[in-house]
Amino acid sequence: MIRQAYLDALEPRLRNLFEYLHENPEPSWEEWETTKYLAQLLADEGYEPRLFEDSPGFYVEIGSGAPVIGLRTDIDSLFQEVDGVHKANHSCGHDGHMTMAVGVLLMLKKLKETQDFTLQTGGTIRVIFQPAEEKGNGALSIVERGLIDDVDYLFGVHVRPIQELPVGKHAPALYHGASMMMQCEIYGEEAHAARPHLGKNAIEIGGSVIEALKTIRVDTRISWSVKVTKFSAGVGHGNTIPGKAMLTMDARAQTNAAMEQLDAGIQRAIRSVREMYDAQINAKVLLNIPAAEVDEEAEEILRRSIVQSVGDKHLAEPVVTPGGEDFHFYTKKRPNVKAAMLGLGCGVSPGLHHPHMKFDHAQLINGVEILTNTVINAMQYAKMNAMNV
């Protein structure tokens, strides 16, 4: 049982932790100081952080043996322009996610000391501090390390925009969509602007790709989009037909099946333009994140934990969101893992990835209580399941 006195004692410490993490952001694959700081903090609390030798990030375990309950947090920040300065910036809430993960470990330590929680009959709680979520490949690096192979239930958390959840309302699942980023290198042929018939204008070819994307058709019952987000061409004088252009597009679909349809449409669009101009277009996928595959049992465990922690009136319905999350690579690569993400209603505004994003930090302690109850409840649930097999 998590007593209110435990939460009250923990909250000031978590506030200081959040402030440090917020003021010291590090972008994807560069989270070395963040790793060092958090690992030392937990080592001082008696934990044994297991650092990765070849990248930032680490994990901590409580107990041993099966079942294994996982909790994952992302530790990177974005790199973006803030008031005219390009810098690392926590505008996606990962500072809050880390704070909650550390809070869970500190709360579990307290509950063990007071004998409110025990793992005497076996079982492991594994808390993973994952790098590079914003690059879309951090989760894959964790999978490659084998840290998910023996996990029974896996949980994550993400702060939610005010447009999705009111402050104080928390969702037992986040149904993220699939997202893909593709880059096209377009090769035409340079010529004098007075003689355009002697060249192949890479800008015109790129413009035709943009128009061809508008012909794509996907199941209209499913949310999807594809749009060009970057386009550059020409390096010389304005009187030269450019022979090379670079185009980047972002594609989104609410389901993996719809993303397959969308991807096929994009390929057809590029192929048709390539043939029309007899031009070289090299398409490269930069990022391809799957849509959420939420497990019903994991979602139910989160639902019960929300009610147990903050009451029925603070329980929201699962959130369907067009945003992407590399957390869902875990279930794609290891389908046996039962996973779900907590949506923390904390009033993120103006929105995620806005350079001046802000949210209600008071909700972080509620997230700690919900996630602590979640891993404890999941452990009990997994043990009951094992007994009934």
Protein backbone atom coordinates (compact mmCIF):
# COMPACT_ATOMS: atom_id res chain seq x y z
CA MET A 1 0.00 0.00 0.00
CA ILE A 2 1.33 3.43 -0.95
CA ARG A 3 0.60 5.80 1.89
CA GLN A 4 0.06 9.49 1.27
CA ALA A 5 2.89 10.29 3.69
CA TYR A 6 5.30 8.40 1.41
CA LEU A 7 4.21 10.46 -1.59
CA ASP A 8 4.38 13.73 0.33
CA ALA A 9 7.95 12.97 1.45
CA LEU A 10 9.04 12.01 -2.06
CA GLU A 11 7.53 14.93 -3.98
CA PRO A 12 10.09 17.65 -3.09
CA ARG A 13 12.94 15.39 -4.09
CA LEU A 14 11.32 14.61 -7.42
CA ARG A 15 10.74 18.31 -8.01
CA ASN A 16 14.47 18.96 -7.64
CA LEU A 17 15.28 16.01 -9.89
CA PHE A 18 12.95 17.27 -12.59
CA GLU A 19 14.46 20.74 -12.47
CA TYR A 20 17.96 19.32 -12.92
CA LEU A 21 16.94 17.11 -15.85
CA HIS A 22 15.00 19.94 -17.49
CA GLU A 23 17.98 22.29 -17.28
CA ASN A 24 20.46 19.68 -18.56
CA PRO A 25 18.94 18.14 -21.71
CA GLU A 26 20.96 15.96 -24.07
CA PRO A 27 19.92 14.93 -27.59
CA SER A 28 19.60 11.37 -28.88
CA TRP A 29 22.68 9.14 -28.51
CA GLU A 30 24.45 11.88 -26.55
CA GLU A 31 22.82 11.29 -23.15
CA TRP A 32 26.09 10.46 -21.39
CA GLU A 33 25.83 12.95 -18.53
CA THR A 34 22.15 12.13 -18.01
CA THR A 35 23.07 8.46 -17.76
CA LYS A 36 25.90 9.19 -15.34
CA TYR A 37 23.76 11.43 -13.15
CA LEU A 38 20.80 9.05 -12.87
CA ALA A 39 22.96 5.97 -12.41
CA GLN A 40 24.87 7.63 -9.57
CA LEU A 41 21.64 8.80 -7.93
CA LEU A 42 20.27 5.25 -7.94
CA ALA A 43 23.57 3.72 -6.86
CA ASP A 44 23.49 6.03 -3.84
CA GLU A 45 20.07 4.52 -3.05
CA GLY A 46 21.50 1.00 -3.03
CA TYR A 47 20.62 -0.02 -6.59
CA GLU A 48 23.09 -1.52 -9.04
CA PRO A 49 22.70 0.29 -12.37
CA ARG A 50 23.89 -1.73 -15.35
CA LEU A 51 25.31 0.70 -17.88
CA PHE A 52 25.62 0.00 -21.59
CA GLU A 53 29.24 -0.07 -22.75
CA ASP A 54 28.65 1.21 -26.27
CA SER A 55 25.90 3.79 -25.79
CA PRO A 56 24.16 5.96 -23.21
CA GLY A 57 21.42 4.35 -21.13
CA PHE A 58 21.20 1.68 -18.48
CA TYR A 59 18.78 -0.50 -16.55
CA VAL A 60 18.08 -1.40 -12.93
CA GLU A 61 16.56 -4.58 -11.53
CA ILE A 62 14.76 -5.47 -8.33
CA GLY A 63 14.49 -9.15 -7.45
CA SER A 64 15.35 -12.11 -9.66
CA GLY A 65 13.77 -14.80 -11.78
CA ALA A 66 10.38 -14.96 -13.44
CA PRO A 67 8.01 -13.29 -13.99
CA VAL A 68 9.67 -10.14 -15.32
CA ILE A 69 7.82 -6.82 -15.27
CA GLY A 70 9.40 -4.03 -17.30
CA LEU A 71 9.09 -0.26 -17.03
CA ARG A 72 10.73 1.86 -19.73
CA THR A 73 11.52 5.56 -19.81
CA ASP A 74 13.15 7.58 -22.58
CA ILE A 75 16.05 9.83 -21.60
CA ASP A 76 16.83 11.99 -24.65
CA SER A 77 15.74 15.48 -25.59
CA LEU A 78 15.05 17.17 -28.88
CA PHE A 79 17.54 19.46 -30.64
CA GLN A 80 15.67 22.49 -31.92
CA GLU A 81 15.65 26.24 -32.32
CA VAL A 82 14.59 28.05 -29.16
CA ASP A 83 14.34 31.83 -29.40
CA GLY A 84 16.78 31.87 -32.29
CA VAL A 85 19.29 29.50 -30.66
CA HIS A 86 19.75 25.87 -31.76
CA LYS A 87 20.12 23.70 -28.69
CA ALA A 88 19.02 20.58 -26.83
CA ASN A 89 15.57 21.11 -25.33
CA HIS A 90 13.17 18.98 -23.30
CA SER A 91 9.98 19.78 -25.19
CA CYS A 92 8.57 16.25 -25.31
CA GLY A 93 8.38 15.54 -21.60
CA HIS A 94 11.20 13.02 -21.29
CA ASP A 95 12.47 14.94 -18.27
CA GLY A 96 9.14 14.15 -16.62
CA HIS A 97 9.26 10.53 -17.75
CA MET A 98 12.70 10.04 -16.19
CA THR A 99 11.53 11.71 -13.00
CA MET A 100 8.62 9.28 -12.72
CA ALA A 101 10.80 6.23 -13.40
CA VAL A 102 13.24 7.25 -10.68
CA GLY A 103 10.26 7.97 -8.43
CA VAL A 104 8.97 4.43 -8.94
CA LEU A 105 12.34 2.99 -7.90
CA LEU A 106 12.50 5.21 -4.82
CA MET A 107 8.93 4.33 -3.89
CA LEU A 108 9.57 0.60 -4.31
CA LYS A 109 12.59 0.93 -2.04
CA LYS A 110 10.42 2.61 0.59
CA LEU A 111 7.71 -0.05 0.29
CA LYS A 112 10.29 -2.80 0.71
CA GLU A 113 11.69 -1.10 3.82
CA THR A 114 8.22 -0.87 5.35
CA GLN A 115 7.38 -4.41 4.17
CA ASP A 116 4.43 -3.10 2.16
CA PHE A 117 5.95 -4.85 -0.85
CA THR A 118 8.07 -7.96 -1.19
CA LEU A 119 9.40 -10.28 -3.87
CA GLN A 120 10.08 -13.21 -1.56
CA THR A 121 8.37 -15.64 -3.93
CA GLY A 122 10.50 -14.50 -6.87
CA GLY A 123 10.08 -12.15 -9.77
CA THR A 124 11.98 -9.25 -11.35
CA ILE A 125 11.10 -5.61 -11.88
CA ARG A 126 13.32 -4.17 -14.62
CA VAL A 127 13.41 -0.40 -15.16
CA ILE A 128 15.00 0.57 -18.47
CA PHE A 129 16.43 4.03 -19.14
CA GLN A 130 16.37 4.05 -22.95
CA PRO A 131 18.31 6.45 -25.18
CA ALA A 132 17.31 7.95 -28.52
CA GLU A 133 13.53 7.70 -28.61
CA GLU A 134 13.40 10.82 -30.76
CA LYS A 135 15.60 9.15 -33.38
CA GLY A 136 13.20 6.22 -33.51
CA ASN A 137 15.87 3.57 -33.00
CA GLY A 138 16.59 3.63 -29.28
CA ALA A 139 14.06 0.89 -28.53
CA LEU A 140 15.62 -1.32 -31.21
CA SER A 141 18.97 -1.04 -29.44
CA ILE A 142 17.34 -2.31 -26.23
CA VAL A 143 15.76 -5.21 -28.11
CA GLU A 144 19.14 -6.11 -29.59
CA ARG A 145 20.60 -6.31 -26.09
CA GLY A 146 18.07 -9.01 -25.21
CA LEU A 147 16.54 -6.98 -22.38
CA ILE A 148 12.99 -7.63 -23.58
CA ASP A 149 13.30 -11.33 -24.37
CA ASP A 150 12.12 -12.53 -20.94
CA VAL A 151 9.72 -9.67 -20.14
CA ASP A 152 6.11 -10.66 -19.42
CA TYR A 153 4.57 -7.18 -19.11
CA LEU A 154 6.09 -3.89 -20.26
CA PHE A 155 4.82 -0.43 -19.40
CA GLY A 156 5.71 3.09 -20.45
CA VAL A 157 4.39 6.59 -19.89
CA HIS A 158 4.00 9.77 -21.89
CA VAL A 159 2.73 13.20 -20.87
CA ARG A 160 -0.25 14.22 -23.03
CA PRO A 161 -1.30 17.45 -24.71
CA ILE A 162 -4.27 19.33 -23.26
CA GLN A 163 -6.07 18.64 -26.56
CA GLU A 164 -6.06 14.91 -25.73
CA LEU A 165 -6.46 14.71 -21.95
CA PRO A 166 -7.66 17.21 -19.33
CA VAL A 167 -5.31 17.89 -16.44
CA GLY A 168 -5.67 15.13 -13.85
CA LYS A 169 -7.26 12.61 -16.24
CA HIS A 170 -5.09 9.61 -17.06
CA ALA A 171 -5.48 7.05 -19.84
CA PRO A 172 -4.67 3.32 -19.53
CA ALA A 173 -3.40 3.10 -23.11
CA LEU A 174 -1.97 5.25 -25.88
CA TYR A 175 -2.80 4.10 -29.39
CA HIS A 176 -0.03 5.81 -31.31
CA GLY A 177 -0.08 5.68 -35.07
CA ALA A 178 2.61 4.44 -37.43
CA SER A 179 5.02 7.02 -38.79
CA MET A 180 7.56 6.99 -41.59
CA MET A 181 10.06 9.57 -42.77
CA MET A 182 11.48 9.22 -46.26
CA GLN A 183 14.16 11.18 -48.08
CA CYS A 184 14.33 11.42 -51.87
CA GLU A 185 17.48 12.42 -53.74
CA ILE A 186 16.39 13.75 -57.14
CA TYR A 187 18.86 13.87 -60.00
CA GLY A 188 17.95 15.86 -63.09
CA GLU A 189 20.37 17.58 -65.44
CA GLU A 190 21.78 21.09 -65.19
CA ALA A 191 21.42 23.53 -68.08
CA HIS A 192 21.40 27.25 -68.79
CA ALA A 193 18.11 28.83 -67.78
CA ALA A 194 17.81 30.24 -71.33
CA ARG A 195 17.81 26.68 -72.69
CA PRO A 196 15.65 24.64 -70.26
CA HIS A 197 14.94 22.05 -72.97
CA LEU A 198 18.54 20.88 -72.66
CA GLY A 199 18.21 19.99 -68.97
CA LYS A 200 15.95 18.31 -66.46
CA ASN A 201 14.84 20.69 -63.73
CA ALA A 202 15.13 18.89 -60.39
CA ILE A 203 12.71 21.38 -58.83
CA GLU A 204 10.04 20.52 -61.39
CA ILE A 205 10.66 16.81 -60.81
CA GLY A 206 10.33 17.31 -57.08
CA GLY A 207 7.17 19.35 -57.59
CA SER A 208 5.72 16.48 -59.61
CA VAL A 209 6.49 14.11 -56.72
CA ILE A 210 4.56 16.44 -54.40
CA GLU A 211 1.60 16.48 -56.78
CA ALA A 212 1.75 12.70 -57.25
CA LEU A 213 1.47 12.20 -53.48
CA LYS A 214 -1.96 13.83 -53.66
CA THR A 215 -3.22 10.93 -55.81
CA ILE A 216 -2.67 8.36 -53.05
CA ARG A 217 -5.78 6.66 -51.70
CA VAL A 218 -5.96 4.85 -48.35
CA ASP A 219 -8.96 3.50 -46.42
CA THR A 220 -10.89 6.66 -45.54
CA ARG A 221 -12.09 5.15 -42.26
CA ILE A 222 -8.52 5.34 -40.95
CA SER A 223 -6.62 8.54 -40.18
CA TRP A 224 -3.57 9.04 -42.42
CA SER A 225 -1.48 11.74 -44.03
CA VAL A 226 1.61 12.27 -46.16
CA LYS A 227 3.26 15.66 -46.67
CA VAL A 228 6.60 17.09 -47.76
CA THR A 229 8.39 18.70 -44.83
CA LYS A 230 11.68 19.71 -46.45
CA PHE A 231 12.67 20.60 -50.03
CA SER A 232 15.97 22.06 -51.17
CA ALA A 233 17.52 22.51 -54.62
CA GLY A 234 20.02 24.65 -56.48
CA VAL A 235 23.45 25.77 -55.32
CA GLY A 236 24.59 28.17 -58.05
CA HIS A 237 23.28 31.26 -59.77
CA GLY A 238 19.60 31.81 -60.41
CA ASN A 239 20.17 31.43 -64.16
CA THR A 240 21.02 27.74 -63.92
CA ILE A 241 18.54 24.89 -64.19
CA PRO A 242 19.19 22.88 -60.99
CA GLY A 243 20.21 19.29 -61.53
CA LYS A 244 19.79 18.03 -57.97
CA ALA A 245 17.16 18.36 -55.28
CA MET A 246 16.52 16.86 -51.85
CA LEU A 247 13.01 16.17 -50.63
CA THR A 248 11.89 14.80 -47.25
CA MET A 249 8.38 13.58 -46.54
CA ASP A 250 6.54 12.54 -43.38
CA ALA A 251 3.87 9.83 -43.57
CA ARG A 252 1.41 8.89 -40.80
CA ALA A 253 -1.27 6.22 -40.47
CA GLN A 254 -3.26 5.11 -37.46
CA THR A 255 -2.74 1.39 -38.11
CA ASN A 256 0.10 -0.71 -39.45
CA ALA A 257 -2.14 -2.04 -42.23
CA ALA A 258 -2.97 1.50 -43.37
CA MET A 259 0.72 2.40 -43.33
CA GLU A 260 1.39 -0.52 -45.68
CA GLN A 261 -1.21 0.90 -48.08
CA LEU A 262 0.26 4.38 -47.76
CA ASP A 263 3.80 3.14 -48.32
CA ALA A 264 2.71 1.31 -51.47
CA GLY A 265 1.06 4.52 -52.72
CA ILE A 266 4.22 6.55 -52.08
CA GLN A 267 6.30 4.04 -53.98
CA ARG A 268 3.88 4.20 -56.94
CA ALA A 269 3.98 8.00 -56.91
CA ILE A 270 7.78 8.09 -57.00
CA ARG A 271 7.92 5.40 -59.67
CA SER A 272 5.48 7.27 -61.93
CA VAL A 273 7.46 10.53 -61.70
CA ARG A 274 10.72 8.71 -62.27
CA GLU A 275 9.33 7.21 -65.47
CA MET A 276 7.69 10.44 -66.63
CA TYR A 277 10.94 12.42 -66.48
CA ASP A 278 13.31 9.51 -67.08
CA ALA A 279 15.10 10.79 -64.00
CA GLN A 280 16.94 9.19 -61.13
CA ILE A 281 15.11 9.38 -57.79
CA ASN A 282 16.72 7.56 -54.89
CA ALA A 283 14.28 7.02 -52.03
CA LYS A 284 15.60 6.19 -48.57
CA VAL A 285 13.56 5.48 -45.44
CA LEU A 286 15.01 7.44 -42.52
CA LEU A 287 12.49 6.39 -39.89
CA ASN A 288 9.74 3.77 -39.79
CA ILE A 289 7.93 3.40 -36.47
CA PRO A 290 5.05 0.92 -36.06
CA ALA A 291 1.63 1.72 -34.69
CA ALA A 292 0.70 0.62 -31.19
CA GLU A 293 -0.36 -2.96 -30.57
CA VAL A 294 -1.79 -2.64 -27.06
CA ASP A 295 -2.33 -5.77 -24.98
CA GLU A 296 -5.75 -6.00 -23.32
CA GLU A 297 -4.37 -7.42 -20.06
CA ALA A 298 -1.68 -4.73 -19.79
CA GLU A 299 -4.27 -2.04 -20.49
CA GLU A 300 -6.55 -3.47 -17.81
CA ILE A 301 -3.71 -3.51 -15.28
CA LEU A 302 -3.05 0.17 -15.99
CA ARG A 303 -6.77 0.95 -15.75
CA ARG A 304 -7.06 -0.69 -12.32
CA SER A 305 -3.87 1.01 -11.13
CA ILE A 306 -5.18 4.44 -12.14
CA VAL A 307 -8.39 3.87 -10.18
CA GLN A 308 -6.46 2.44 -7.23
CA SER A 309 -4.14 5.44 -7.16
CA VAL A 310 -6.26 8.48 -7.95
CA GLY A 311 -9.85 7.24 -8.16
CA ASP A 312 -12.50 6.59 -10.81
CA LYS A 313 -13.07 10.26 -11.60
CA HIS A 314 -9.48 10.58 -12.84
CA LEU A 315 -9.71 7.64 -15.24
CA ALA A 316 -9.95 8.55 -18.94
CA GLU A 317 -10.60 6.41 -21.99
CA PRO A 318 -7.61 5.17 -24.02
CA VAL A 319 -6.18 7.88 -26.27
CA VAL A 320 -5.92 7.45 -30.03
CA THR A 321 -3.19 9.80 -31.24
CA PRO A 322 -1.47 10.37 -34.60
CA GLY A 323 1.92 10.80 -32.92
CA GLY A 324 4.54 8.05 -33.10
CA GLU A 325 6.53 6.31 -30.36
CA ASP A 326 9.40 3.87 -30.72
CA PHE A 327 8.09 2.07 -27.60
CA HIS A 328 5.96 0.04 -30.00
CA PHE A 329 9.03 -1.60 -31.53
CA TYR A 330 9.13 -3.71 -28.38
CA THR A 331 5.91 -5.53 -29.21
CA LYS A 332 6.63 -5.62 -32.94
CA LYS A 333 9.98 -7.32 -32.39
CA ARG A 334 8.85 -9.40 -29.39
CA PRO A 335 5.12 -10.16 -29.89
CA ASN A 336 5.04 -12.24 -26.68
CA VAL A 337 5.45 -9.07 -24.58
CA LYS A 338 2.22 -7.65 -23.19
CA ALA A 339 2.58 -3.88 -23.28
CA ALA A 340 0.70 -0.63 -22.74
CA MET A 341 1.58 3.03 -22.13
CA LEU A 342 0.10 5.32 -19.51
CA GLY A 343 -1.16 8.64 -20.83
CA LEU A 344 -0.57 11.25 -18.11
CA GLY A 345 -3.06 14.11 -18.31
CA CYS A 346 -0.92 17.06 -17.29
CA GLY A 347 -1.99 19.86 -19.63
CA VAL A 348 0.90 19.91 -22.09
CA SER A 349 0.68 23.21 -24.00
CA PRO A 350 1.00 24.67 -26.57
CA GLY A 351 1.88 21.12 -27.62
CA LEU A 352 4.54 18.43 -27.72
CA HIS A 353 7.74 19.52 -29.50
CA HIS A 354 6.87 23.19 -29.15
CA PRO A 355 10.10 24.94 -28.07
CA HIS A 356 8.28 26.46 -25.09
CA MET A 357 6.27 23.39 -24.11
CA LYS A 358 5.11 23.33 -20.52
CA PHE A 359 2.92 21.10 -18.34
CA ASP A 360 1.58 20.71 -14.81
CA HIS A 361 4.49 19.21 -12.87
CA ALA A 362 2.20 18.43 -9.93
CA GLN A 363 0.88 15.47 -11.91
CA LEU A 364 4.27 13.72 -11.84
CA ILE A 365 3.73 12.38 -8.32
CA ASN A 366 0.41 10.90 -9.48
CA GLY A 367 2.29 9.24 -12.31
CA VAL A 368 4.74 7.74 -9.81
CA GLU A 369 1.89 6.32 -7.73
CA ILE A 370 0.10 4.90 -10.79
CA LEU A 371 3.23 3.32 -12.25
CA THR A 372 4.35 1.90 -8.91
CA ASN A 373 0.97 0.25 -8.43
CA THR A 374 1.10 -0.91 -12.05
CA VAL A 375 4.35 -2.87 -11.72
CA ILE A 376 3.22 -4.36 -8.39
CA ASN A 377 -0.19 -5.34 -9.80
CA ALA A 378 1.39 -6.73 -12.96
CA MET A 379 3.71 -8.89 -10.86
CA GLN A 380 0.76 -10.31 -8.94
CA TYR A 381 -1.22 -10.81 -12.15
CA ALA A 382 1.67 -12.64 -13.84
CA LYS A 383 2.16 -14.93 -10.85
CA MET A 384 -1.55 -15.80 -10.79
CA ASN A 385 -1.43 -16.57 -14.50
CA ALA A 386 1.57 -18.84 -13.97
CA MET A 387 -0.29 -20.73 -11.22
CA ASN A 388 -3.28 -21.26 -13.48
CA VAL A 389 -1.30 -22.67 -16.39
